C-alpha atoms as a PDB file:
ATOM      1  CA  MET A   1     114.039  73.114  93.471  1.00  0.00           C
ATOM      2  CA  LYS A   2     111.420  73.515  90.819  1.00  0.00           C
ATOM      3  CA  SER A   3     109.053  75.374  93.177  1.00  0.00           C
ATOM      4  CA  THR A   4     111.763  77.807  94.018  1.00  0.00           C
ATOM      5  CA  ILE A   5     112.364  78.609  90.311  1.00  0.00           C
ATOM      6  CA  LEU A   6     108.668  79.145  89.825  1.00  0.00           C
ATOM      7  CA  LYS A   7     108.442  81.385  92.833  1.00  0.00           C
ATOM      8  CA  ASP A   8     111.483  83.462  91.725  1.00  0.00           C
ATOM      9  CA  GLN A   9     109.832  83.832  88.251  1.00  0.00           C
ATOM     10  CA  LYS A  10     106.519  84.958  89.812  1.00  0.00           C
ATOM     11  CA  ILE A  11     108.434  87.554  91.899  1.00  0.00           C
ATOM     12  CA  ALA A  12     110.272  88.792  88.822  1.00  0.00           C
ATOM     13  CA  VAL A  13     106.958  89.118  86.856  1.00  0.00           C
ATOM     14  CA  TRP A  14     105.324  91.081  89.711  1.00  0.00           C
ATOM     15  CA  ARG A  15     108.328  93.404  90.138  1.00  0.00           C
ATOM     16  CA  GLN A  16     108.020  94.142  86.332  1.00  0.00           C
ATOM     17  CA  HIS A  17     104.277  94.836  86.722  1.00  0.00           C
ATOM     18  CA  ILE A  18     104.850  97.186  89.669  1.00  0.00           C
ATOM     19  CA  GLU A  19     107.522  99.125  87.775  1.00  0.00           C
ATOM     20  CA  ARG A  20     105.455  99.419  84.645  1.00  0.00           C
ATOM     21  CA  ALA A  21     102.333 100.345  86.665  1.00  0.00           C
ATOM     22  CA  ASN A  22     104.194 103.092  88.472  1.00  0.00           C
ATOM     23  CA  GLN A  23     105.115 104.564  85.086  1.00  0.00           C
ATOM     24  CA  TYR A  24     101.754 104.108  83.419  1.00  0.00           C
ATOM     25  CA  PRO A  25     100.469 107.549  82.449  1.00  0.00           C
ATOM     26  CA  GLU A  26      96.842 106.737  83.211  1.00  0.00           C
ATOM     27  CA  GLY A  27      97.482 105.348  86.679  1.00  0.00           C
ATOM     28  CA  ILE A  28      97.761 101.986  88.420  1.00  0.00           C
ATOM     29  CA  GLN A  29      94.109 101.083  88.292  1.00  0.00           C
ATOM     30  CA  LYS A  30      94.012 101.535  84.505  1.00  0.00           C
ATOM     31  CA  TYR A  31      97.286  99.656  84.123  1.00  0.00           C
ATOM     32  CA  CYS A  32      95.777  96.660  86.021  1.00  0.00           C
ATOM     33  CA  ASN A  33      92.650  96.783  83.933  1.00  0.00           C
ATOM     34  CA  ALA A  34      94.675  96.930  80.727  1.00  0.00           C
ATOM     35  CA  ASN A  35      96.819  93.946  81.710  1.00  0.00           C
ATOM     36  CA  GLY A  36      94.020  91.793  83.242  1.00  0.00           C
ATOM     37  CA  LEU A  37      95.337  92.149  86.758  1.00  0.00           C
ATOM     38  CA  SER A  38      93.277  92.326  89.890  1.00  0.00           C
ATOM     39  CA  PHE A  39      93.839  95.693  91.613  1.00  0.00           C
ATOM     40  CA  GLN A  40      93.747  93.895  95.037  1.00  0.00           C
ATOM     41  CA  THR A  41      96.364  91.322  93.965  1.00  0.00           C
ATOM     42  CA  TYR A  42      98.612  94.051  92.567  1.00  0.00           C
ATOM     43  CA  TYR A  43      98.611  95.845  95.914  1.00  0.00           C
ATOM     44  CA  LYS A  44      99.162  92.597  97.877  1.00  0.00           C
ATOM     45  CA  TRP A  45     102.256  91.817  95.792  1.00  0.00           C
ATOM     46  CA  LYS A  46     103.431  95.394  96.102  1.00  0.00           C
ATOM     47  CA  LEU A  47     103.221  95.137  99.846  1.00  0.00           C
ATOM     48  CA  LYS A  48     104.865  91.780  99.967  1.00  0.00           C
ATOM     49  CA  LEU A  49     107.767  92.818  97.768  1.00  0.00           C
ATOM     50  CA  ASN A  50     108.222  96.139  99.651  1.00  0.00           C
ATOM     51  CA  SER A  51     108.284  94.282 102.979  1.00  0.00           C
ATOM     52  CA  LYS A  52     110.944  91.902 101.674  1.00  0.00           C
ATOM     53  CA  ASN A  53     113.119  94.825 100.667  1.00  0.00           C
ATOM     54  CA  LYS A  54     112.836  96.512 104.093  1.00  0.00           C
ATOM     55  CA  LYS A  55     113.789  93.608 106.286  1.00  0.00           C
ATOM     56  CA  ILE A  56     116.252  94.486 109.021  1.00  0.00           C
ATOM     57  CA  PRO A  57     119.634  92.884 108.319  1.00  0.00           C
ATOM     58  CA  SER A  58     120.499  90.135 110.724  1.00  0.00           C
ATOM     59  CA  GLY A  59     122.605  91.140 113.724  1.00  0.00           C
ATOM     60  CA  THR A  60     120.875  94.554 113.754  1.00  0.00           C
ATOM     61  CA  ALA A  61     118.551  95.280 116.551  1.00  0.00           C
ATOM     62  CA  ALA A  62     115.238  96.741 115.681  1.00  0.00           C
ATOM     63  CA  PRO A  63     114.574 100.215 117.128  1.00  0.00           C
ATOM     64  CA  THR A  64     112.601 100.129 120.386  1.00  0.00           C
ATOM     65  CA  THR A  65     110.812 102.684 122.347  1.00  0.00           C
ATOM     66  CA  SER A  66     110.947 102.833 126.039  1.00  0.00           C
ATOM     67  CA  PRO A  67     107.677 102.900 127.997  1.00  0.00           C
ATOM     68  CA  LYS A  68     106.670 106.257 129.204  1.00  0.00           C
ATOM     69  CA  THR A  69     106.474 106.713 132.956  1.00  0.00           C
ATOM     70  CA  ASN A  70     104.379 109.182 134.884  1.00  0.00           C
ATOM     71  CA  HIS A  71     106.440 111.134 137.403  1.00  0.00           C
END
């Protein structure tokens, strides 16, 4: 239970950083530098959180493409 709380807190902190960085007038790189964040870690978290938000709901089939055939 404790690890879930810590994980949720970490996610909340990174969501705040991402929001603030997107609004930072001097850009994301400078936001990271000003806040002691690794630029690479920032982007890893951004990708991680974006992928969580874009998951396909259960019961919904993912779009598929049919293989092309040569006639």
